[in-house]
């Protein structure tokens, strides 16, 4: 169950961090800013995240109005996509991504490119799903 937010925050940054609540929501939103994803694709993108936690985080993001869960007609496929409110975080998410790329070496850390890896394996299927979602907007 999603925790309730306080009705007052002393600082807007404190509020933003409370809504994003930890690294997994931010990581999921960072992927969804690129395009809609099926649950199984998100699962591949965050392999260290358990099914239960991924499901809970997606549910929280949906309840907060940042993500919408859409059924694709003609099948049992469900995709997750950002809402307008979720898309309003795109610049912030891109800055976090860029900072990680630019500074990872100075921390002695390597960072991957999971979207590139995922897309190389399922490009045609993803494009088909994305086209269908875009046509519904």
N, C-alpha and C. Protein backbone atom coordinates (compact mmCIF):
# COMPACT_ATOMS: atom_id res chain seq x y z
N UNK A 1 0.84 -1.17 0.00
CA UNK A 1 0.00 0.00 0.00
C UNK A 1 0.89 1.24 0.00
N UNK A 2 0.51 2.22 -0.79
CA UNK A 2 1.28 3.45 -0.87
C UNK A 2 1.14 4.23 0.43
N UNK A 3 2.26 4.78 0.87
CA UNK A 3 2.17 5.58 2.09
C UNK A 3 1.61 6.95 1.77
N UNK A 4 0.93 7.51 2.72
CA UNK A 4 0.31 8.83 2.55
C UNK A 4 1.38 9.91 2.71
N UNK A 5 1.26 10.91 1.88
CA UNK A 5 2.17 12.04 1.97
C UNK A 5 1.68 12.99 3.06
N UNK A 6 2.60 13.63 3.76
CA UNK A 6 2.19 14.68 4.70
C UNK A 6 1.46 15.78 3.93
N UNK A 7 0.69 16.57 4.59
CA UNK A 7 -0.04 17.66 3.92
C UNK A 7 0.79 18.93 3.80
N UNK A 8 1.97 18.96 4.42
CA UNK A 8 2.83 20.13 4.33
C UNK A 8 4.29 19.69 4.26
N UNK A 9 5.06 20.34 3.39
CA UNK A 9 6.50 20.13 3.29
C UNK A 9 7.18 21.47 3.43
N UNK A 10 8.23 21.52 4.19
CA UNK A 10 8.97 22.76 4.41
C UNK A 10 9.70 23.20 3.15
N UNK A 11 10.04 22.23 2.29
CA UNK A 11 10.85 22.52 1.10
C UNK A 11 10.28 21.77 -0.11
N UNK A 12 10.19 22.39 -1.28
CA UNK A 12 9.70 21.70 -2.48
C UNK A 12 10.53 20.48 -2.86
N UNK A 13 11.85 20.53 -2.62
CA UNK A 13 12.70 19.38 -2.92
C UNK A 13 12.33 18.20 -2.03
N UNK A 14 12.03 18.47 -0.78
CA UNK A 14 11.59 17.43 0.14
C UNK A 14 10.31 16.76 -0.38
N UNK A 15 9.37 17.56 -0.89
CA UNK A 15 8.14 17.02 -1.46
C UNK A 15 8.44 16.14 -2.68
N UNK A 16 9.26 16.64 -3.60
CA UNK A 16 9.60 15.89 -4.81
C UNK A 16 10.23 14.55 -4.45
N UNK A 17 11.17 14.55 -3.52
CA UNK A 17 11.81 13.31 -3.11
C UNK A 17 10.83 12.36 -2.41
N UNK A 18 9.87 12.90 -1.70
CA UNK A 18 8.85 12.05 -1.06
C UNK A 18 7.98 11.37 -2.11
N UNK A 19 7.64 12.08 -3.18
CA UNK A 19 6.83 11.49 -4.25
C UNK A 19 7.63 10.41 -4.97
N UNK A 20 8.90 10.68 -5.25
CA UNK A 20 9.73 9.71 -5.96
C UNK A 20 10.18 8.57 -5.06
N UNK A 21 10.31 8.82 -3.76
CA UNK A 21 10.51 7.81 -2.72
C UNK A 21 11.45 6.67 -3.07
N UNK A 22 12.72 6.95 -3.20
CA UNK A 22 13.71 5.90 -3.38
C UNK A 22 14.14 5.72 -4.82
N UNK A 23 15.18 4.93 -4.98
CA UNK A 23 15.78 4.84 -6.31
C UNK A 23 14.95 4.07 -7.33
N UNK A 24 14.17 3.11 -6.94
CA UNK A 24 13.50 2.28 -7.94
C UNK A 24 12.43 3.04 -8.71
N UNK A 25 11.69 3.90 -8.04
CA UNK A 25 10.68 4.67 -8.77
C UNK A 25 11.35 5.58 -9.79
N UNK A 26 12.44 6.19 -9.40
CA UNK A 26 13.15 7.08 -10.30
C UNK A 26 13.73 6.31 -11.49
N UNK A 27 14.25 5.13 -11.24
CA UNK A 27 14.79 4.30 -12.32
C UNK A 27 13.67 3.90 -13.28
N UNK A 28 12.54 3.46 -12.76
CA UNK A 28 11.41 3.08 -13.60
C UNK A 28 10.93 4.27 -14.43
N UNK A 29 10.79 5.42 -13.80
CA UNK A 29 10.38 6.62 -14.54
C UNK A 29 11.39 6.99 -15.62
N UNK A 30 12.67 6.80 -15.33
CA UNK A 30 13.70 7.12 -16.33
C UNK A 30 13.54 6.26 -17.57
N UNK A 31 13.21 5.00 -17.40
CA UNK A 31 12.97 4.15 -18.56
C UNK A 31 11.70 4.55 -19.28
N UNK A 32 10.65 4.79 -18.53
CA UNK A 32 9.36 5.13 -19.14
C UNK A 32 9.38 6.47 -19.86
N UNK A 33 10.32 7.34 -19.52
CA UNK A 33 10.40 8.61 -20.24
C UNK A 33 10.86 8.38 -21.68
N UNK A 34 11.50 7.26 -21.92
CA UNK A 34 11.97 6.94 -23.27
C UNK A 34 10.85 6.40 -24.16
N UNK A 35 9.97 5.57 -23.57
CA UNK A 35 8.86 4.97 -24.32
C UNK A 35 8.04 4.09 -23.38
N UNK A 36 6.85 3.67 -23.82
CA UNK A 36 6.08 2.72 -23.01
C UNK A 36 6.78 1.37 -22.96
N UNK A 37 6.58 0.65 -21.86
CA UNK A 37 7.16 -0.67 -21.70
C UNK A 37 6.13 -1.65 -21.16
N UNK A 38 6.25 -2.89 -21.58
CA UNK A 38 5.49 -3.98 -20.97
C UNK A 38 6.17 -4.33 -19.65
N UNK A 39 5.42 -4.99 -18.77
CA UNK A 39 5.95 -5.39 -17.47
C UNK A 39 7.22 -6.23 -17.66
N UNK A 40 7.17 -7.21 -18.56
CA UNK A 40 8.32 -8.10 -18.77
C UNK A 40 9.56 -7.34 -19.22
N UNK A 41 9.37 -6.29 -20.01
CA UNK A 41 10.51 -5.49 -20.44
C UNK A 41 11.10 -4.72 -19.26
N UNK A 42 10.22 -4.14 -18.44
CA UNK A 42 10.72 -3.43 -17.25
C UNK A 42 11.45 -4.40 -16.34
N UNK A 43 10.94 -5.61 -16.24
CA UNK A 43 11.56 -6.65 -15.41
C UNK A 43 13.00 -6.91 -15.87
N UNK A 44 13.21 -6.96 -17.19
CA UNK A 44 14.55 -7.17 -17.74
C UNK A 44 15.47 -5.97 -17.49
N UNK A 45 14.89 -4.78 -17.49
CA UNK A 45 15.68 -3.57 -17.31
C UNK A 45 16.16 -3.39 -15.87
N UNK A 46 15.45 -3.93 -14.91
CA UNK A 46 15.84 -3.82 -13.50
C UNK A 46 15.89 -5.21 -12.87
N UNK A 47 16.86 -6.02 -13.29
CA UNK A 47 16.90 -7.43 -12.84
C UNK A 47 17.12 -7.60 -11.34
N UNK A 48 17.70 -6.61 -10.68
CA UNK A 48 17.92 -6.74 -9.23
C UNK A 48 16.66 -6.45 -8.42
N UNK A 49 15.61 -6.04 -9.08
CA UNK A 49 14.36 -5.70 -8.43
C UNK A 49 13.43 -6.91 -8.45
N UNK A 50 12.88 -7.29 -7.32
CA UNK A 50 11.98 -8.45 -7.26
C UNK A 50 10.66 -8.12 -7.94
N UNK A 51 9.92 -9.16 -8.34
CA UNK A 51 8.61 -8.97 -8.95
C UNK A 51 7.68 -8.19 -8.02
N UNK A 52 7.71 -8.54 -6.75
CA UNK A 52 6.83 -7.87 -5.79
C UNK A 52 7.13 -6.38 -5.70
N UNK A 53 8.40 -6.03 -5.61
CA UNK A 53 8.78 -4.61 -5.49
C UNK A 53 8.45 -3.87 -6.79
N UNK A 54 8.73 -4.48 -7.95
CA UNK A 54 8.39 -3.83 -9.22
C UNK A 54 6.89 -3.59 -9.31
N UNK A 55 6.11 -4.59 -8.97
CA UNK A 55 4.65 -4.44 -8.99
C UNK A 55 4.20 -3.34 -8.04
N UNK A 56 4.75 -3.32 -6.83
CA UNK A 56 4.39 -2.29 -5.86
C UNK A 56 4.77 -0.90 -6.34
N UNK A 57 5.97 -0.76 -6.92
CA UNK A 57 6.41 0.55 -7.39
C UNK A 57 5.55 1.03 -8.56
N UNK A 58 5.22 0.14 -9.48
CA UNK A 58 4.35 0.52 -10.60
C UNK A 58 2.97 0.92 -10.09
N UNK A 59 2.48 0.21 -9.11
CA UNK A 59 1.18 0.54 -8.51
C UNK A 59 1.24 1.92 -7.85
N UNK A 60 2.31 2.19 -7.11
CA UNK A 60 2.48 3.51 -6.46
C UNK A 60 2.56 4.63 -7.50
N UNK A 61 3.32 4.40 -8.56
CA UNK A 61 3.45 5.42 -9.61
C UNK A 61 2.13 5.66 -10.33
N UNK A 62 1.35 4.61 -10.48
CA UNK A 62 0.02 4.73 -11.09
C UNK A 62 -0.91 5.52 -10.18
N UNK A 63 -0.90 5.18 -8.90
CA UNK A 63 -1.75 5.90 -7.93
C UNK A 63 -1.39 7.37 -7.82
N UNK A 64 -0.12 7.68 -7.97
CA UNK A 64 0.30 9.08 -7.86
C UNK A 64 0.04 9.86 -9.14
N UNK A 65 -0.41 9.19 -10.18
CA UNK A 65 -0.74 9.87 -11.43
C UNK A 65 0.44 10.13 -12.33
N UNK A 66 1.57 9.48 -12.07
CA UNK A 66 2.75 9.66 -12.91
C UNK A 66 2.81 8.65 -14.06
N UNK A 67 2.16 7.51 -13.87
CA UNK A 67 2.19 6.41 -14.83
C UNK A 67 0.76 5.93 -15.04
N UNK A 68 0.49 5.47 -16.25
CA UNK A 68 -0.80 4.86 -16.54
C UNK A 68 -0.54 3.46 -17.09
N UNK A 69 -1.39 2.54 -16.69
CA UNK A 69 -1.33 1.14 -17.16
C UNK A 69 -2.40 1.00 -18.23
N UNK A 70 -1.98 0.58 -19.43
CA UNK A 70 -2.91 0.48 -20.55
C UNK A 70 -2.93 -0.93 -21.11
N UNK A 71 -4.15 -1.42 -21.36
CA UNK A 71 -4.32 -2.71 -22.01
C UNK A 71 -4.24 -2.48 -23.52
N UNK A 72 -3.50 -3.33 -24.21
CA UNK A 72 -3.42 -3.25 -25.66
C UNK A 72 -4.52 -4.15 -26.22
N UNK A 73 -5.47 -3.59 -26.99
CA UNK A 73 -6.56 -4.40 -27.54
C UNK A 73 -6.04 -5.55 -28.41
N UNK A 74 -6.78 -6.62 -28.40
CA UNK A 74 -6.42 -7.76 -29.23
C UNK A 74 -5.45 -8.72 -28.57
N UNK A 75 -5.19 -8.56 -27.33
CA UNK A 75 -4.27 -9.44 -26.64
C UNK A 75 -4.30 -9.18 -25.15
N UNK A 76 -3.47 -9.90 -24.45
CA UNK A 76 -3.41 -9.72 -23.00
C UNK A 76 -2.21 -8.87 -22.60
N UNK A 77 -1.74 -8.06 -23.52
CA UNK A 77 -0.57 -7.24 -23.27
C UNK A 77 -0.96 -5.96 -22.54
N UNK A 78 -0.19 -5.64 -21.54
CA UNK A 78 -0.36 -4.40 -20.79
C UNK A 78 0.93 -3.61 -20.91
N UNK A 79 0.79 -2.32 -21.14
CA UNK A 79 1.98 -1.47 -21.18
C UNK A 79 1.83 -0.35 -20.16
N UNK A 80 2.97 0.10 -19.70
CA UNK A 80 3.03 1.22 -18.77
C UNK A 80 3.62 2.40 -19.51
N UNK A 81 3.02 3.55 -19.34
CA UNK A 81 3.50 4.75 -20.00
C UNK A 81 3.36 5.94 -19.05
N UNK A 82 4.14 6.98 -19.28
CA UNK A 82 4.05 8.17 -18.45
C UNK A 82 2.81 8.97 -18.78
N UNK A 83 2.22 9.55 -17.77
CA UNK A 83 1.14 10.51 -17.96
C UNK A 83 1.78 11.87 -18.25
N UNK A 84 0.94 12.86 -18.48
CA UNK A 84 1.48 14.21 -18.68
C UNK A 84 2.26 14.67 -17.45
N UNK A 85 1.73 14.37 -16.28
CA UNK A 85 2.43 14.73 -15.03
C UNK A 85 3.76 13.99 -14.95
N UNK A 86 3.79 12.73 -15.35
CA UNK A 86 5.02 11.96 -15.35
C UNK A 86 6.03 12.51 -16.35
N UNK A 87 5.53 12.89 -17.53
CA UNK A 87 6.42 13.46 -18.55
C UNK A 87 7.02 14.79 -18.10
N UNK A 88 6.33 15.47 -17.19
CA UNK A 88 6.88 16.75 -16.70
C UNK A 88 8.17 16.55 -15.91
N UNK A 89 8.46 15.32 -15.53
CA UNK A 89 9.72 15.00 -14.82
C UNK A 89 10.87 14.67 -15.77
N UNK A 90 10.61 14.64 -17.07
CA UNK A 90 11.61 14.19 -18.05
C UNK A 90 12.93 14.94 -17.98
N UNK A 91 12.87 16.25 -17.86
CA UNK A 91 14.12 17.05 -17.80
C UNK A 91 14.92 16.68 -16.56
N UNK A 92 14.24 16.60 -15.42
CA UNK A 92 14.90 16.21 -14.17
C UNK A 92 15.53 14.82 -14.31
N UNK A 93 14.78 13.87 -14.86
CA UNK A 93 15.29 12.50 -15.02
C UNK A 93 16.49 12.47 -15.97
N UNK A 94 16.44 13.26 -17.03
CA UNK A 94 17.56 13.31 -17.96
C UNK A 94 18.80 13.88 -17.30
N UNK A 95 18.63 14.87 -16.45
CA UNK A 95 19.78 15.43 -15.72
C UNK A 95 20.39 14.39 -14.79
N UNK A 96 19.56 13.61 -14.10
CA UNK A 96 20.09 12.55 -13.23
C UNK A 96 20.87 11.52 -14.04
N UNK A 97 20.33 11.14 -15.21
CA UNK A 97 20.99 10.18 -16.09
C UNK A 97 22.35 10.72 -16.56
N UNK A 98 22.32 11.96 -17.04
CA UNK A 98 23.56 12.57 -17.55
C UNK A 98 24.62 12.70 -16.45
N UNK A 99 24.19 13.08 -15.25
CA UNK A 99 25.12 13.19 -14.15
C UNK A 99 25.78 11.84 -13.88
N UNK A 100 24.98 10.78 -13.92
CA UNK A 100 25.53 9.43 -13.69
C UNK A 100 26.55 9.04 -14.74
N UNK A 101 26.25 9.34 -16.00
CA UNK A 101 27.19 9.04 -17.08
C UNK A 101 28.48 9.84 -16.90
N UNK A 102 28.35 11.12 -16.63
CA UNK A 102 29.51 12.01 -16.54
C UNK A 102 30.39 11.75 -15.31
N UNK A 103 29.81 11.26 -14.24
CA UNK A 103 30.56 11.15 -12.99
C UNK A 103 30.87 9.73 -12.54
N UNK A 104 30.36 8.73 -13.22
CA UNK A 104 30.56 7.35 -12.76
C UNK A 104 32.04 6.97 -12.69
N UNK A 105 32.83 7.38 -13.67
CA UNK A 105 34.25 7.03 -13.66
C UNK A 105 34.99 7.59 -12.45
N UNK A 106 34.65 8.80 -12.05
CA UNK A 106 35.34 9.40 -10.92
C UNK A 106 35.02 8.68 -9.61
N UNK A 107 33.97 7.87 -9.60
CA UNK A 107 33.62 7.05 -8.45
C UNK A 107 34.12 5.62 -8.62
N UNK A 108 34.82 5.34 -9.74
CA UNK A 108 35.32 4.00 -10.01
C UNK A 108 34.21 3.02 -10.35
N UNK A 109 33.17 3.52 -11.00
CA UNK A 109 31.99 2.71 -11.32
C UNK A 109 31.76 2.69 -12.83
N UNK A 110 31.35 1.53 -13.33
CA UNK A 110 30.94 1.42 -14.73
C UNK A 110 29.42 1.42 -14.77
N UNK A 111 28.84 2.08 -15.76
CA UNK A 111 27.39 2.07 -15.93
C UNK A 111 27.06 1.46 -17.29
N UNK A 112 25.96 0.73 -17.33
CA UNK A 112 25.57 0.03 -18.55
C UNK A 112 24.63 0.87 -19.41
N UNK A 113 24.15 0.23 -20.45
CA UNK A 113 23.18 0.84 -21.36
C UNK A 113 22.05 -0.17 -21.57
N UNK A 114 21.25 -0.42 -20.53
CA UNK A 114 20.24 -1.48 -20.62
C UNK A 114 19.18 -1.27 -21.70
N UNK A 115 18.84 -0.03 -22.00
CA UNK A 115 17.85 0.21 -23.06
C UNK A 115 18.38 -0.24 -24.41
N UNK A 116 19.65 0.05 -24.68
CA UNK A 116 20.27 -0.39 -25.93
C UNK A 116 20.25 -1.90 -26.02
N UNK A 117 20.60 -2.57 -24.93
CA UNK A 117 20.61 -4.03 -24.91
C UNK A 117 19.20 -4.60 -25.12
N UNK A 118 18.21 -4.03 -24.45
CA UNK A 118 16.84 -4.50 -24.58
C UNK A 118 16.31 -4.25 -25.98
N UNK A 119 16.55 -3.05 -26.50
CA UNK A 119 16.03 -2.69 -27.82
C UNK A 119 16.65 -3.52 -28.93
N UNK A 120 17.87 -3.91 -28.79
CA UNK A 120 18.49 -4.72 -29.84
C UNK A 120 17.84 -6.10 -29.93
N UNK A 121 17.25 -6.57 -28.83
CA UNK A 121 16.61 -7.87 -28.82
C UNK A 121 15.14 -7.85 -29.20
N UNK A 122 14.46 -6.73 -29.00
CA UNK A 122 13.01 -6.73 -29.23
C UNK A 122 12.54 -5.46 -29.92
N UNK A 123 13.32 -4.95 -30.86
CA UNK A 123 13.02 -3.68 -31.49
C UNK A 123 11.70 -3.70 -32.26
N UNK A 124 11.46 -4.71 -33.06
CA UNK A 124 10.26 -4.75 -33.89
C UNK A 124 9.00 -4.83 -33.03
N UNK A 125 9.02 -5.68 -32.04
CA UNK A 125 7.85 -5.85 -31.17
C UNK A 125 7.56 -4.57 -30.39
N UNK A 126 8.60 -3.93 -29.89
CA UNK A 126 8.43 -2.70 -29.13
C UNK A 126 7.89 -1.58 -30.00
N UNK A 127 8.40 -1.48 -31.23
CA UNK A 127 7.92 -0.44 -32.13
C UNK A 127 6.45 -0.62 -32.44
N UNK A 128 6.02 -1.86 -32.60
CA UNK A 128 4.62 -2.16 -32.87
C UNK A 128 3.75 -1.75 -31.70
N UNK A 129 4.15 -2.09 -30.49
CA UNK A 129 3.39 -1.71 -29.30
C UNK A 129 3.37 -0.20 -29.14
N UNK A 130 4.51 0.45 -29.34
CA UNK A 130 4.60 1.90 -29.20
C UNK A 130 3.70 2.59 -30.22
N UNK A 131 3.69 2.12 -31.46
CA UNK A 131 2.86 2.71 -32.50
C UNK A 131 1.39 2.62 -32.11
N UNK A 132 1.00 1.49 -31.55
CA UNK A 132 -0.40 1.31 -31.14
C UNK A 132 -0.76 2.29 -30.02
N UNK A 133 0.11 2.44 -29.04
CA UNK A 133 -0.13 3.36 -27.93
C UNK A 133 -0.19 4.79 -28.42
N UNK A 134 0.74 5.18 -29.29
CA UNK A 134 0.76 6.54 -29.81
C UNK A 134 -0.51 6.84 -30.59
N UNK A 135 -1.04 5.86 -31.32
CA UNK A 135 -2.27 6.06 -32.09
C UNK A 135 -3.48 6.26 -31.18
N UNK A 136 -3.43 5.76 -29.95
CA UNK A 136 -4.54 5.89 -29.01
C UNK A 136 -4.58 7.26 -28.35
N UNK A 137 -3.47 7.98 -28.38
CA UNK A 137 -3.40 9.30 -27.71
C UNK A 137 -4.18 10.33 -28.45
